[in-house]
Amino acid sequence: MKEIELLRNISIQNRHTYQVKQIGIQKARDRILEHSTRILGYDSTTGNYQVQNANGQIFSARAISNSSALCKGANVSLVAPVGGIPIIDAMPR
């Protein structure tokens, strides 16, 4: 019985270690993506910005604030909600 309890405790520790490692990887990936998107221009018909990511893909993103940081050529971060239009994050870090 003690062996089963030992295996259970080791399993819990391994699960926790794995979760901490995954969170660290996600945070590191998010930091890499900060300021990796460049604003190409503003589309007044849709109210969205045309942006280009580091891979060269051009797409539309919306801003949630009227910041002076949102100008042509500015590097910004994006928040991409599932199934929605990406949001420009212009908050300084």
PDB file of N, CA and C in Angstrom:
ATOM      1  N   MET A   1       0.812  -1.211   0.000  1.00  0.00           N
ATOM      2  CA  MET A   1       0.000   0.000   0.000  1.00  0.00           C
ATOM      3  C   MET A   1       0.851   1.269   0.000  1.00  0.00           C
ATOM      4  N   LYS A   2       1.989   1.176   0.691  1.00  0.00           N
ATOM      5  CA  LYS A   2       2.854   2.338   0.742  1.00  0.00           C
ATOM      6  C   LYS A   2       3.424   2.665  -0.644  1.00  0.00           C
ATOM      7  N   GLU A   3       3.656   1.636  -1.451  1.00  0.00           N
ATOM      8  CA  GLU A   3       4.179   1.846  -2.803  1.00  0.00           C
ATOM      9  C   GLU A   3       3.180   2.612  -3.665  1.00  0.00           C
ATOM     10  N   ILE A   4       1.921   2.294  -3.517  1.00  0.00           N
ATOM     11  CA  ILE A   4       0.876   2.991  -4.282  1.00  0.00           C
ATOM     12  C   ILE A   4       0.817   4.455  -3.868  1.00  0.00           C
ATOM     13  N   GLU A   5       0.910   4.729  -2.589  1.00  0.00           N
ATOM     14  CA  GLU A   5       0.896   6.108  -2.097  1.00  0.00           C
ATOM     15  C   GLU A   5       2.128   6.871  -2.602  1.00  0.00           C
ATOM     16  N   LEU A   6       3.267   6.196  -2.607  1.00  0.00           N
ATOM     17  CA  LEU A   6       4.491   6.807  -3.124  1.00  0.00           C
ATOM     18  C   LEU A   6       4.346   7.150  -4.608  1.00  0.00           C
ATOM     19  N   LEU A   7       3.821   6.221  -5.394  1.00  0.00           N
ATOM     20  CA  LEU A   7       3.593   6.472  -6.819  1.00  0.00           C
ATOM     21  C   LEU A   7       2.618   7.622  -7.033  1.00  0.00           C
ATOM     22  N   ARG A   8       1.606   7.692  -6.211  1.00  0.00           N
ATOM     23  CA  ARG A   8       0.620   8.773  -6.307  1.00  0.00           C
ATOM     24  C   ARG A   8       1.290  10.126  -6.044  1.00  0.00           C
ATOM     25  N   ASN A   9       2.119  10.196  -5.006  1.00  0.00           N
ATOM     26  CA  ASN A   9       2.807  11.451  -4.678  1.00  0.00           C
ATOM     27  C   ASN A   9       3.783  11.861  -5.779  1.00  0.00           C
ATOM     28  N   ILE A  10       4.508  10.902  -6.324  1.00  0.00           N
ATOM     29  CA  ILE A  10       5.433  11.204  -7.421  1.00  0.00           C
ATOM     30  C   ILE A  10       4.662  11.694  -8.644  1.00  0.00           C
ATOM     31  N   SER A  11       3.522  11.089  -8.909  1.00  0.00           N
ATOM     32  CA  SER A  11       2.685  11.502 -10.035  1.00  0.00           C
ATOM     33  C   SER A  11       2.211  12.942  -9.862  1.00  0.00           C
ATOM     34  N   ILE A  12       1.803  13.292  -8.661  1.00  0.00           N
ATOM     35  CA  ILE A  12       1.347  14.665  -8.382  1.00  0.00           C
ATOM     36  C   ILE A  12       2.498  15.648  -8.582  1.00  0.00           C
ATOM     37  N   GLN A  13       3.687  15.302  -8.100  1.00  0.00           N
ATOM     38  CA  GLN A  13       4.849  16.177  -8.269  1.00  0.00           C
ATOM     39  C   GLN A  13       5.204  16.345  -9.746  1.00  0.00           C
ATOM     40  N   ASN A  14       5.171  15.249 -10.490  1.00  0.00           N
ATOM     41  CA  ASN A  14       5.480  15.324 -11.919  1.00  0.00           C
ATOM     42  C   ASN A  14       4.475  16.186 -12.666  1.00  0.00           C
ATOM     43  N   ARG A  15       3.207  16.050 -12.317  1.00  0.00           N
ATOM     44  CA  ARG A  15       2.165  16.852 -12.956  1.00  0.00           C
ATOM     45  C   ARG A  15       2.394  18.338 -12.689  1.00  0.00           C
ATOM     46  N   HIS A  16       2.730  18.669 -11.448  1.00  0.00           N
ATOM     47  CA  HIS A  16       2.971  20.064 -11.078  1.00  0.00           C
ATOM     48  C   HIS A  16       4.195  20.615 -11.824  1.00  0.00           C
ATOM     49  N   THR A  17       5.268  19.840 -11.863  1.00  0.00           N
ATOM     50  CA  THR A  17       6.481  20.264 -12.562  1.00  0.00           C
ATOM     51  C   THR A  17       6.208  20.491 -14.043  1.00  0.00           C
ATOM     52  N   TYR A  18       5.452  19.599 -14.656  1.00  0.00           N
ATOM     53  CA  TYR A  18       5.103  19.730 -16.067  1.00  0.00           C
ATOM     54  C   TYR A  18       4.286  21.000 -16.304  1.00  0.00           C
ATOM     55  N   GLN A  19       3.322  21.267 -15.424  1.00  0.00           N
ATOM     56  CA  GLN A  19       2.477  22.453 -15.581  1.00  0.00           C
ATOM     57  C   GLN A  19       3.311  23.727 -15.448  1.00  0.00           C
ATOM     58  N   VAL A  20       4.207  23.782 -14.486  1.00  0.00           N
ATOM     59  CA  VAL A  20       5.066  24.954 -14.302  1.00  0.00           C
ATOM     60  C   VAL A  20       5.940  25.165 -15.537  1.00  0.00           C
ATOM     61  N   LYS A  21       6.474  24.082 -16.090  1.00  0.00           N
ATOM     62  CA  LYS A  21       7.314  24.169 -17.278  1.00  0.00           C
ATOM     63  C   LYS A  21       6.511  24.679 -18.475  1.00  0.00           C
ATOM     64  N   GLN A  22       5.285  24.197 -18.643  1.00  0.00           N
ATOM     65  CA  GLN A  22       4.438  24.642 -19.754  1.00  0.00           C
ATOM     66  C   GLN A  22       4.098  26.119 -19.633  1.00  0.00           C
ATOM     67  N   ILE A  23       3.812  26.585 -18.424  1.00  0.00           N
ATOM     68  CA  ILE A  23       3.510  28.002 -18.209  1.00  0.00           C
ATOM     69  C   ILE A  23       4.730  28.849 -18.552  1.00  0.00           C
ATOM     70  N   GLY A  24       5.910  28.401 -18.155  1.00  0.00           N
ATOM     71  CA  GLY A  24       7.143  29.123 -18.477  1.00  0.00           C
ATOM     72  C   GLY A  24       7.382  29.219 -19.971  1.00  0.00           C
ATOM     73  N   ILE A  25       7.140  28.131 -20.680  1.00  0.00           N
ATOM     74  CA  ILE A  25       7.302  28.123 -22.138  1.00  0.00           C
ATOM     75  C   ILE A  25       6.324  29.096 -22.785  1.00  0.00           C
ATOM     76  N   GLN A  26       5.076  29.101 -22.328  1.00  0.00           N
ATOM     77  CA  GLN A  26       4.055  29.996 -22.882  1.00  0.00           C
ATOM     78  C   GLN A  26       4.427  31.458 -22.651  1.00  0.00           C
ATOM     79  N   LYS A  27       4.893  31.787 -21.442  1.00  0.00           N
ATOM     80  CA  LYS A  27       5.280  33.173 -21.151  1.00  0.00           C
ATOM     81  C   LYS A  27       6.468  33.601 -22.003  1.00  0.00           C
ATOM     82  N   ALA A  28       7.427  32.713 -22.188  1.00  0.00           N
ATOM     83  CA  ALA A  28       8.592  33.039 -23.022  1.00  0.00           C
ATOM     84  C   ALA A  28       8.169  33.273 -24.464  1.00  0.00           C
ATOM     85  N   ARG A  29       7.253  32.446 -24.967  1.00  0.00           N
ATOM     86  CA  ARG A  29       6.770  32.617 -26.338  1.00  0.00           C
ATOM     87  C   ARG A  29       6.013  33.933 -26.487  1.00  0.00           C
ATOM     88  N   ASP A  30       5.219  34.291 -25.472  1.00  0.00           N
ATOM     89  CA  ASP A  30       4.485  35.553 -25.525  1.00  0.00           C
ATOM     90  C   ASP A  30       5.438  36.742 -25.526  1.00  0.00           C
ATOM     91  N   ARG A  31       6.525  36.667 -24.757  1.00  0.00           N
ATOM     92  CA  ARG A  31       7.496  37.758 -24.724  1.00  0.00           C
ATOM     93  C   ARG A  31       8.192  37.924 -26.074  1.00  0.00           C
ATOM     94  N   ILE A  32       8.433  36.818 -26.762  1.00  0.00           N
ATOM     95  CA  ILE A  32       9.066  36.888 -28.081  1.00  0.00           C
ATOM     96  C   ILE A  32       8.158  37.627 -29.059  1.00  0.00           C
ATOM     97  N   LEU A  33       6.849  37.427 -28.938  1.00  0.00           N
ATOM     98  CA  LEU A  33       5.899  38.038 -29.868  1.00  0.00           C
ATOM     99  C   LEU A  33       5.619  39.506 -29.565  1.00  0.00           C
ATOM    100  N   GLU A  34       6.048  40.011 -28.393  1.00  0.00           N
ATOM    101  CA  GLU A  34       5.807  41.413 -28.073  1.00  0.00           C
ATOM    102  C   GLU A  34       6.553  42.306 -29.061  1.00  0.00           C
ATOM    103  N   HIS A  35       5.894  43.334 -29.503  1.00  0.00           N
ATOM    104  CA  HIS A  35       6.448  44.322 -30.433  1.00  0.00           C
ATOM    105  C   HIS A  35       6.981  43.692 -31.712  1.00  0.00           C
ATOM    106  N   SER A  36       6.368  42.588 -32.140  1.00  0.00           N
ATOM    107  CA  SER A  36       6.828  41.922 -33.360  1.00  0.00           C
ATOM    108  C   SER A  36       5.909  42.201 -34.545  1.00  0.00           C
ATOM    109  N   THR A  37       4.902  43.026 -34.344  1.00  0.00           N
ATOM    110  CA  THR A  37       3.962  43.348 -35.413  1.00  0.00           C
ATOM    111  C   THR A  37       4.093  44.833 -35.749  1.00  0.00           C
ATOM    112  N   ARG A  38       4.143  45.146 -37.029  1.00  0.00           N
ATOM    113  CA  ARG A  38       4.322  46.527 -37.476  1.00  0.00           C
ATOM    114  C   ARG A  38       3.037  47.044 -38.108  1.00  0.00           C
ATOM    115  N   ILE A  39       2.663  48.253 -37.764  1.00  0.00           N
ATOM    116  CA  ILE A  39       1.470  48.884 -38.342  1.00  0.00           C
ATOM    117  C   ILE A  39       1.817  49.419 -39.731  1.00  0.00           C
ATOM    118  N   LEU A  40       1.014  49.014 -40.718  1.00  0.00           N
ATOM    119  CA  LEU A  40       1.217  49.481 -42.095  1.00  0.00           C
ATOM    120  C   LEU A  40       0.341  50.678 -42.424  1.00  0.00           C
ATOM    121  N   GLY A  41      -0.831  50.747 -41.808  1.00  0.00           N
ATOM    122  CA  GLY A  41      -1.738  51.846 -42.097  1.00  0.00           C
ATOM    123  C   GLY A  41      -3.077  51.646 -41.420  1.00  0.00           C
ATOM    124  N   TYR A  42      -3.953  52.626 -41.606  1.00  0.00           N
ATOM    125  CA  TYR A  42      -5.281  52.603 -41.003  1.00  0.00           C
ATOM    126  C   TYR A  42      -6.330  52.553 -42.104  1.00  0.00           C
ATOM    127  N   ASP A  43      -7.310  51.675 -41.954  1.00  0.00           N
ATOM    128  CA  ASP A  43      -8.403  51.552 -42.919  1.00  0.00           C
ATOM    129  C   ASP A  43      -9.624  52.247 -42.328  1.00  0.00           C
ATOM    130  N   SER A  44      -9.958  53.423 -42.853  1.00  0.00           N
ATOM    131  CA  SER A  44     -11.053  54.211 -42.276  1.00  0.00           C
ATOM    132  C   SER A  44     -12.429  53.612 -42.558  1.00  0.00           C
ATOM    133  N   THR A  45     -12.554  52.763 -43.560  1.00  0.00           N
ATOM    134  CA  THR A  45     -13.865  52.162 -43.845  1.00  0.00           C
ATOM    135  C   THR A  45     -14.224  51.100 -42.812  1.00  0.00           C
ATOM    136  N   THR A  46     -13.239  50.346 -42.347  1.00  0.00           N
ATOM    137  CA  THR A  46     -13.516  49.304 -41.344  1.00  0.00           C
ATOM    138  C   THR A  46     -13.164  49.753 -39.932  1.00  0.00           C
ATOM    139  N   GLY A  47     -12.321  50.772 -39.813  1.00  0.00           N
ATOM    140  CA  GLY A  47     -11.878  51.219 -38.495  1.00  0.00           C
ATOM    141  C   GLY A  47     -10.778  50.341 -37.919  1.00  0.00           C
ATOM    142  N   ASN A  48     -10.180  49.511 -38.756  1.00  0.00           N
ATOM    143  CA  ASN A  48      -9.112  48.618 -38.308  1.00  0.00           C
ATOM    144  C   ASN A  48      -7.774  49.047 -38.894  1.00  0.00           C
ATOM    145  N   TYR A  49      -6.720  48.571 -38.287  1.00  0.00           N
ATOM    146  CA  TYR A  49      -5.368  48.829 -38.767  1.00  0.00           C
ATOM    147  C   TYR A  49      -4.892  47.652 -39.612  1.00  0.00           C
ATOM    148  N   GLN A  50      -4.129  47.945 -40.647  1.00  0.00           N
ATOM    149  CA  GLN A  50      -3.459  46.902 -41.423  1.00  0.00           C
ATOM    150  C   GLN A  50      -2.101  46.688 -40.767  1.00  0.00           C
ATOM    151  N   VAL A  51      -1.824  45.449 -40.353  1.00  0.00           N
ATOM    152  CA  VAL A  51      -0.569  45.155 -39.663  1.00  0.00           C
ATOM    153  C   VAL A  51       0.155  44.010 -40.361  1.00  0.00           C
ATOM    154  N   GLN A  52       1.456  43.945 -40.143  1.00  0.00           N
ATOM    155  CA  GLN A  52       2.281  42.889 -40.731  1.00  0.00           C
ATOM    156  C   GLN A  52       3.099  42.251 -39.616  1.00  0.00           C
ATOM    157  N   ASN A  53       3.034  40.921 -39.519  1.00  0.00           N
ATOM    158  CA  ASN A  53       3.795  40.238 -38.474  1.00  0.00           C
ATOM    159  C   ASN A  53       5.206  39.922 -38.954  1.00  0.00           C
ATOM    160  N   ALA A  54       5.996  39.286 -38.096  1.00  0.00           N
ATOM    161  CA  ALA A  54       7.397  38.994 -38.411  1.00  0.00           C
ATOM    162  C   ALA A  54       7.540  38.027 -39.585  1.00  0.00           C
ATOM    163  N   ASN A  55       6.516  37.228 -39.850  1.00  0.00           N
ATOM    164  CA  ASN A  55       6.555  36.284 -40.972  1.00  0.00           C
ATOM    165  C   ASN A  55       6.177  36.926 -42.297  1.00  0.00           C
ATOM    166  N   GLY A  56       5.799  38.198 -42.275  1.00  0.00           N
ATOM    167  CA  GLY A  56       5.421  38.897 -43.494  1.00  0.00           C
ATOM    168  C   GLY A  56       3.942  38.835 -43.820  1.00  0.00           C
ATOM    169  N   GLN A  57       3.147  38.182 -42.971  1.00  0.00           N
ATOM    170  CA  GLN A  57       1.703  38.102 -43.214  1.00  0.00           C
ATOM    171  C   GLN A  57       1.063  39.448 -42.896  1.00  0.00           C
ATOM    172  N   ILE A  58       0.171  39.883 -43.774  1.00  0.00           N
ATOM    173  CA  ILE A  58      -0.544  41.143 -43.585  1.00  0.00           C
ATOM    174  C   ILE A  58      -1.990  40.815 -43.254  1.00  0.00           C
ATOM    175  N   PHE A  59      -2.499  41.439 -42.184  1.00  0.00           N
ATOM    176  CA  PHE A  59      -3.883  41.204 -41.798  1.00  0.00           C
ATOM    177  C   PHE A  59      -4.421  42.415 -41.066  1.00  0.00           C
ATOM    178  N   SER A  60      -5.675  42.350 -40.697  1.00  0.00           N
ATOM    179  CA  SER A  60      -6.372  43.455 -40.052  1.00  0.00           C
ATOM    180  C   SER A  60      -6.424  43.234 -38.546  1.00  0.00           C
ATOM    181  N   ALA A  61      -6.263  44.315 -37.787  1.00  0.00           N
ATOM    182  CA  ALA A  61      -6.351  44.250 -36.327  1.00  0.00           C
ATOM    183  C   ALA A  61      -7.050  45.502 -35.832  1.00  0.00           C
ATOM    184  N   ARG A  62      -7.743  45.367 -34.724  1.00  0.00           N
ATOM    185  CA  ARG A  62      -8.442  46.539 -34.184  1.00  0.00           C
ATOM    186  C   ARG A  62      -7.739  47.030 -32.927  1.00  0.00           C
ATOM    187  N   ALA A  63      -7.871  48.309 -32.670  1.00  0.00           N
ATOM    188  CA  ALA A  63      -7.268  48.914 -31.485  1.00  0.00           C
ATOM    189  C   ALA A  63      -8.354  49.164 -30.453  1.00  0.00           C
ATOM    190  N   ILE A  64      -8.006  49.014 -29.192  1.00  0.00           N
ATOM    191  CA  ILE A  64      -8.986  49.273 -28.133  1.00  0.00           C
ATOM    192  C   ILE A  64      -8.729  50.614 -27.463  1.00  0.00           C
ATOM    193  N   SER A  65      -7.719  51.344 -27.936  1.00  0.00           N
ATOM    194  CA  SER A  65      -7.457  52.671 -27.383  1.00  0.00           C
ATOM    195  C   SER A  65      -6.977  53.584 -28.501  1.00  0.00           C
ATOM    196  N   ASN A  66      -7.118  54.863 -28.284  1.00  0.00           N
ATOM    197  CA  ASN A  66      -6.603  55.856 -29.227  1.00  0.00           C
ATOM    198  C   ASN A  66      -5.269  56.353 -28.689  1.00  0.00           C
ATOM    199  N   SER A  67      -4.248  55.600 -28.930  1.00  0.00           N
ATOM    200  CA  SER A  67      -2.929  55.929 -28.409  1.00  0.00           C
ATOM    201  C   SER A  67      -2.086  56.564 -29.497  1.00  0.00           C
ATOM    202  N   SER A  68      -1.191  57.454 -29.085  1.00  0.00           N
ATOM    203  CA  SER A  68      -0.285  58.060 -30.066  1.00  0.00           C
ATOM    204  C   SER A  68       0.752  57.044 -30.543  1.00  0.00           C
ATOM    205  N   ALA A  69       0.833  55.897 -29.851  1.00  0.00           N
ATOM    206  CA  ALA A  69       1.760  54.839 -30.267  1.00  0.00           C
ATOM    207  C   ALA A  69       1.272  54.123 -31.523  1.00  0.00           C
ATOM    208  N   LEU A  70       0.006  54.339 -31.888  1.00  0.00           N
ATOM    209  CA  LEU A  70      -0.574  53.661 -33.052  1.00  0.00           C
ATOM    210  C   LEU A  70      -0.378  54.511 -34.299  1.00  0.00           C
ATOM    211  N   CYS A  71       0.831  54.508 -34.809  1.00  0.00           N
ATOM    212  CA  CYS A  71       1.123  55.263 -36.023  1.00  0.00           C
ATOM    213  C   CYS A  71       1.782  54.328 -37.033  1.00  0.00           C
ATOM    214  N   LYS A  72       1.812  54.764 -38.265  1.00  0.00           N
ATOM    215  CA  LYS A  72       2.388  53.945 -39.331  1.00  0.00           C
ATOM    216  C   LYS A  72       3.855  53.642 -39.020  1.00  0.00           C
ATOM    217  N   GLY A  73       4.210  52.363 -39.103  1.00  0.00           N
ATOM    218  CA  GLY A  73       5.579  51.941 -38.841  1.00  0.00           C
ATOM    219  C   GLY A  73       5.865  51.567 -37.397  1.00  0.00           C
ATOM    220  N   ALA A  74       4.904  51.793 -36.496  1.00  0.00           N
ATOM    221  CA  ALA A  74       5.121  51.472 -35.081  1.00  0.00           C
ATOM    222  C   ALA A  74       5.078  49.964 -34.862  1.00  0.00           C
ATOM    223  N   ASN A  75       5.936  49.482 -33.984  1.00  0.00           N
ATOM    224  CA  ASN A  75       5.923  48.073 -33.602  1.00  0.00           C
ATOM    225  C   ASN A  75       5.026  47.907 -32.386  1.00  0.00           C
ATOM    226  N   VAL A  76       4.061  47.012 -32.490  1.00  0.00           N
ATOM    227  CA  VAL A  76       3.092  46.791 -31.415  1.00  0.00           C
ATOM    228  C   VAL A  76       2.957  45.296 -31.155  1.00  0.00           C
ATOM    229  N   SER A  77       2.304  44.978 -30.050  1.00  0.00           N
ATOM    230  CA  SER A  77       1.998  43.588 -29.716  1.00  0.00           C
ATOM    231  C   SER A  77       0.547  43.319 -30.068  1.00  0.00           C
ATOM    232  N   LEU A  78       0.231  42.066 -30.333  1.00  0.00           N
ATOM    233  CA  LEU A  78      -1.143  41.679 -30.636  1.00  0.00           C
ATOM    234  C   LEU A  78      -1.650  40.683 -29.617  1.00  0.00           C
ATOM    235  N   VAL A  79      -2.934  40.804 -29.312  1.00  0.00           N
ATOM    236  CA  VAL A  79      -3.644  39.808 -28.522  1.00  0.00           C
ATOM    237  C   VAL A  79      -4.638  39.180 -29.478  1.00  0.00           C
ATOM    238  N   ALA A  80      -4.561  37.873 -29.641  1.00  0.00           N
ATOM    239  CA  ALA A  80      -5.407  37.195 -30.623  1.00  0.00           C
ATOM    240  C   ALA A  80      -6.470  36.360 -29.925  1.00  0.00           C
ATOM    241  N   PRO A  81      -7.697  36.901 -29.801  1.00  0.00           N
ATOM    242  CA  PRO A  81      -8.770  36.099 -29.217  1.00  0.00           C
ATOM    243  C   PRO A  81      -9.161  34.967 -30.165  1.00  0.00           C
ATOM    244  N   VAL A  82      -9.622  33.877 -29.604  1.00  0.00           N
ATOM    245  CA  VAL A  82     -10.003  32.724 -30.422  1.00  0.00           C
ATOM    246  C   VAL A  82     -11.208  33.090 -31.281  1.00  0.00           C
ATOM    247  N   GLY A  83     -11.061  32.981 -32.584  1.00  0.00           N
ATOM    248  CA  GLY A  83     -12.157  33.230 -33.508  1.00  0.00           C
ATOM    249  C   GLY A  83     -12.520  34.685 -33.691  1.00  0.00           C
ATOM    250  N   GLY A  84     -11.661  35.603 -33.283  1.00  0.00           N
ATOM    251  CA  GLY A  84     -11.978  37.017 -33.415  1.00  0.00           C
ATOM    252  C   GLY A  84     -10.873  37.785 -34.112  1.00  0.00           C
ATOM    253  N   ILE A  85     -11.105  39.068 -34.297  1.00  0.00           N
ATOM    254  CA  ILE A  85     -10.110  39.943 -34.910  1.00  0.00           C
ATOM    255  C   ILE A  85      -9.029  40.238 -33.867  1.00  0.00           C
ATOM    256  N   PRO A  86      -7.753  40.132 -34.237  1.00  0.00           N
ATOM    257  CA  PRO A  86      -6.682  40.447 -33.284  1.00  0.00           C
ATOM    258  C   PRO A  86      -6.802  41.872 -32.758  1.00  0.00           C
ATOM    259  N   ILE A  87      -6.385  42.063 -31.521  1.00  0.00           N
ATOM    260  CA  ILE A  87      -6.458  43.362 -30.858  1.00  0.00           C
ATOM    261  C   ILE A  87      -5.040  43.883 -30.674  1.00  0.00           C
ATOM    262  N   ILE A  88      -4.828  45.153 -30.996  1.00  0.00           N
ATOM    263  CA  ILE A  88      -3.516  45.776 -30.828  1.00  0.00           C
ATOM    264  C   ILE A  88      -3.343  46.150 -29.365  1.00  0.00           C
ATOM    265  N   ASP A  89      -2.241  45.702 -28.781  1.00  0.00           N
ATOM    266  CA  ASP A  89      -1.898  46.022 -27.400  1.00  0.00           C
ATOM    267  C   ASP A  89      -0.794  47.069 -27.440  1.00  0.00           C
ATOM    268  N   ALA A  90      -1.132  48.316 -27.161  1.00  0.00           N
ATOM    269  CA  ALA A  90      -0.164  49.408 -27.237  1.00  0.00           C
ATOM    270  C   ALA A  90       0.318  49.839 -25.859  1.00  0.00           C
ATOM    271  N   MET A  91       0.012  49.055 -24.834  1.00  0.00           N
ATOM    272  CA  MET A  91       0.446  49.405 -23.482  1.00  0.00           C
ATOM    273  C   MET A  91       1.958  49.219 -23.371  1.00  0.00           C
ATOM    274  N   PRO A  92       2.661  50.206 -22.800  1.00  0.00           N
ATOM    275  CA  PRO A  92       4.112  50.050 -22.633  1.00  0.00           C
ATOM    276  C   PRO A  92       4.429  48.971 -21.610  1.00  0.00           C
ATOM    277  N   ARG A  93       5.493  48.270 -21.809  1.00  0.00           N
ATOM    278  CA  ARG A  93       5.918  47.197 -20.894  1.00  0.00           C
ATOM    279  C   ARG A  93       7.150  47.614 -20.139  1.00  0.00           C
TER     280      ARG A  93
END
